[in-house]
C-alpha atoms as a PDB file:
ATOM      1  CA  MET A   1    -139.708   4.209  20.864  1.00  0.00           C
ATOM      2  CA  ASN A   2    -137.694   6.126  18.241  1.00  0.00           C
ATOM      3  CA  ILE A   3    -136.672   9.571  18.989  1.00  0.00           C
ATOM      4  CA  LEU A   4    -136.072  11.536  15.744  1.00  0.00           C
ATOM      5  CA  ALA A   5    -134.111  14.686  15.330  1.00  0.00           C
ATOM      6  CA  PRO A   6    -136.228  17.523  14.151  1.00  0.00           C
ATOM      7  CA  ILE A   7    -135.963  18.885  10.585  1.00  0.00           C
ATOM      8  CA  VAL A   8    -135.169  22.649  10.144  1.00  0.00           C
ATOM      9  CA  VAL A   9    -135.469  24.392   6.810  1.00  0.00           C
ATOM     10  CA  PHE A  10    -134.440  27.950   6.161  1.00  0.00           C
ATOM     11  CA  THR A  11    -136.141  29.561   3.265  1.00  0.00           C
ATOM     12  CA  TYR A  12    -136.143  32.802   1.423  1.00  0.00           C
ATOM     13  CA  ASN A  13    -136.930  33.738  -2.148  1.00  0.00           C
ATOM     14  CA  ARG A  14    -136.399  30.553  -4.088  1.00  0.00           C
ATOM     15  CA  PRO A  15    -139.628  28.828  -4.674  1.00  0.00           C
ATOM     16  CA  GLU A  16    -138.419  26.135  -6.950  1.00  0.00           C
ATOM     17  CA  HIS A  17    -135.667  25.052  -4.591  1.00  0.00           C
ATOM     18  CA  THR A  18    -138.064  25.101  -1.745  1.00  0.00           C
ATOM     19  CA  GLN A  19    -140.579  22.846  -3.506  1.00  0.00           C
ATOM     20  CA  ARG A  20    -137.710  20.385  -4.523  1.00  0.00           C
ATOM     21  CA  THR A  21    -136.519  20.241  -0.976  1.00  0.00           C
ATOM     22  CA  PHE A  22    -139.935  19.413   0.362  1.00  0.00           C
ATOM     23  CA  ASN A  23    -140.684  16.891  -2.303  1.00  0.00           C
ATOM     24  CA  ALA A  24    -137.313  15.099  -1.245  1.00  0.00           C
ATOM     25  CA  LEU A  25    -138.399  15.196   2.283  1.00  0.00           C
ATOM     26  CA  LEU A  26    -141.707  13.860   1.889  1.00  0.00           C
ATOM     27  CA  LYS A  27    -140.232  10.750   0.178  1.00  0.00           C
ATOM     28  CA  ASN A  28    -138.732   9.763   3.451  1.00  0.00           C
ATOM     29  CA  PRO A  29    -140.913   7.035   5.241  1.00  0.00           C
ATOM     30  CA  LEU A  30    -140.403   8.764   8.739  1.00  0.00           C
ATOM     31  CA  THR A  31    -141.662  12.025   7.554  1.00  0.00           C
ATOM     32  CA  ASN A  32    -145.085  11.721   9.381  1.00  0.00           C
ATOM     33  CA  GLU A  33    -143.102  11.025  12.496  1.00  0.00           C
ATOM     34  CA  SER A  34    -140.937  14.002  12.185  1.00  0.00           C
ATOM     35  CA  ASP A  35    -141.238  17.485  13.669  1.00  0.00           C
ATOM     36  CA  ILE A  36    -140.309  20.290  11.247  1.00  0.00           C
ATOM     37  CA  PHE A  37    -139.324  23.947  11.796  1.00  0.00           C
ATOM     38  CA  ILE A  38    -139.514  26.408   8.960  1.00  0.00           C
ATOM     39  CA  TYR A  39    -137.741  29.861   8.974  1.00  0.00           C
ATOM     40  CA  SER A  40    -138.846  32.206   6.160  1.00  0.00           C
ATOM     41  CA  ASP A  41    -137.105  35.571   6.176  1.00  0.00           C
ATOM     42  CA  SER A  42    -139.071  38.585   4.940  1.00  0.00           C
ATOM     43  CA  ALA A  43    -138.187  40.223   1.605  1.00  0.00           C
ATOM     44  CA  LYS A  44    -135.334  42.439   2.031  1.00  0.00           C
ATOM     45  CA  THR A  45    -136.127  44.367  -1.124  1.00  0.00           C
ATOM     46  CA  ALA A  46    -139.185  45.002  -3.082  1.00  0.00           C
ATOM     47  CA  ASN A  47    -137.681  42.909  -5.922  1.00  0.00           C
ATOM     48  CA  HIS A  48    -137.700  39.821  -3.639  1.00  0.00           C
ATOM     49  CA  LYS A  49    -141.152  40.251  -2.323  1.00  0.00           C
ATOM     50  CA  LYS A  50    -142.949  38.176  -5.159  1.00  0.00           C
ATOM     51  CA  ALA A  51    -140.719  35.197  -4.835  1.00  0.00           C
ATOM     52  CA  VAL A  52    -140.815  35.338  -0.928  1.00  0.00           C
ATOM     53  CA  ASP A  53    -144.621  35.329  -1.085  1.00  0.00           C
ATOM     54  CA  GLU A  54    -144.579  32.353  -3.535  1.00  0.00           C
ATOM     55  CA  VAL A  55    -142.464  30.508  -1.131  1.00  0.00           C
ATOM     56  CA  ARG A  56    -144.683  31.287   1.713  1.00  0.00           C
ATOM     57  CA  SER A  57    -147.835  30.310  -0.338  1.00  0.00           C
ATOM     58  CA  PHE A  58    -146.350  26.862  -0.955  1.00  0.00           C
ATOM     59  CA  LEU A  59    -145.201  26.497   2.691  1.00  0.00           C
ATOM     60  CA  SER A  60    -148.823  27.088   3.940  1.00  0.00           C
ATOM     61  CA  GLU A  61    -149.991  24.094   1.937  1.00  0.00           C
ATOM     62  CA  ILE A  62    -147.364  21.553   3.328  1.00  0.00           C
ATOM     63  CA  THR A  63    -148.671  18.468   5.003  1.00  0.00           C
ATOM     64  CA  GLY A  64    -147.243  15.174   6.041  1.00  0.00           C
ATOM     65  CA  PHE A  65    -145.098  16.107   8.987  1.00  0.00           C
ATOM     66  CA  ARG A  66    -145.757  15.426  12.569  1.00  0.00           C
END
């Protein structure tokens, strides 16, 4: 029995960086056996709200982890 360390990802207002990060993580053959914890801060200013919403929309569609 393998016990894998969980994956923790902190996100904010960078949708492209978030997508690239998850695309890389999903290439790992142990992804489906890995727990993931995602922290997404709320927008600190009105200028950041759109980007934070884009990140959260992307995150809501993520599959492939345990």
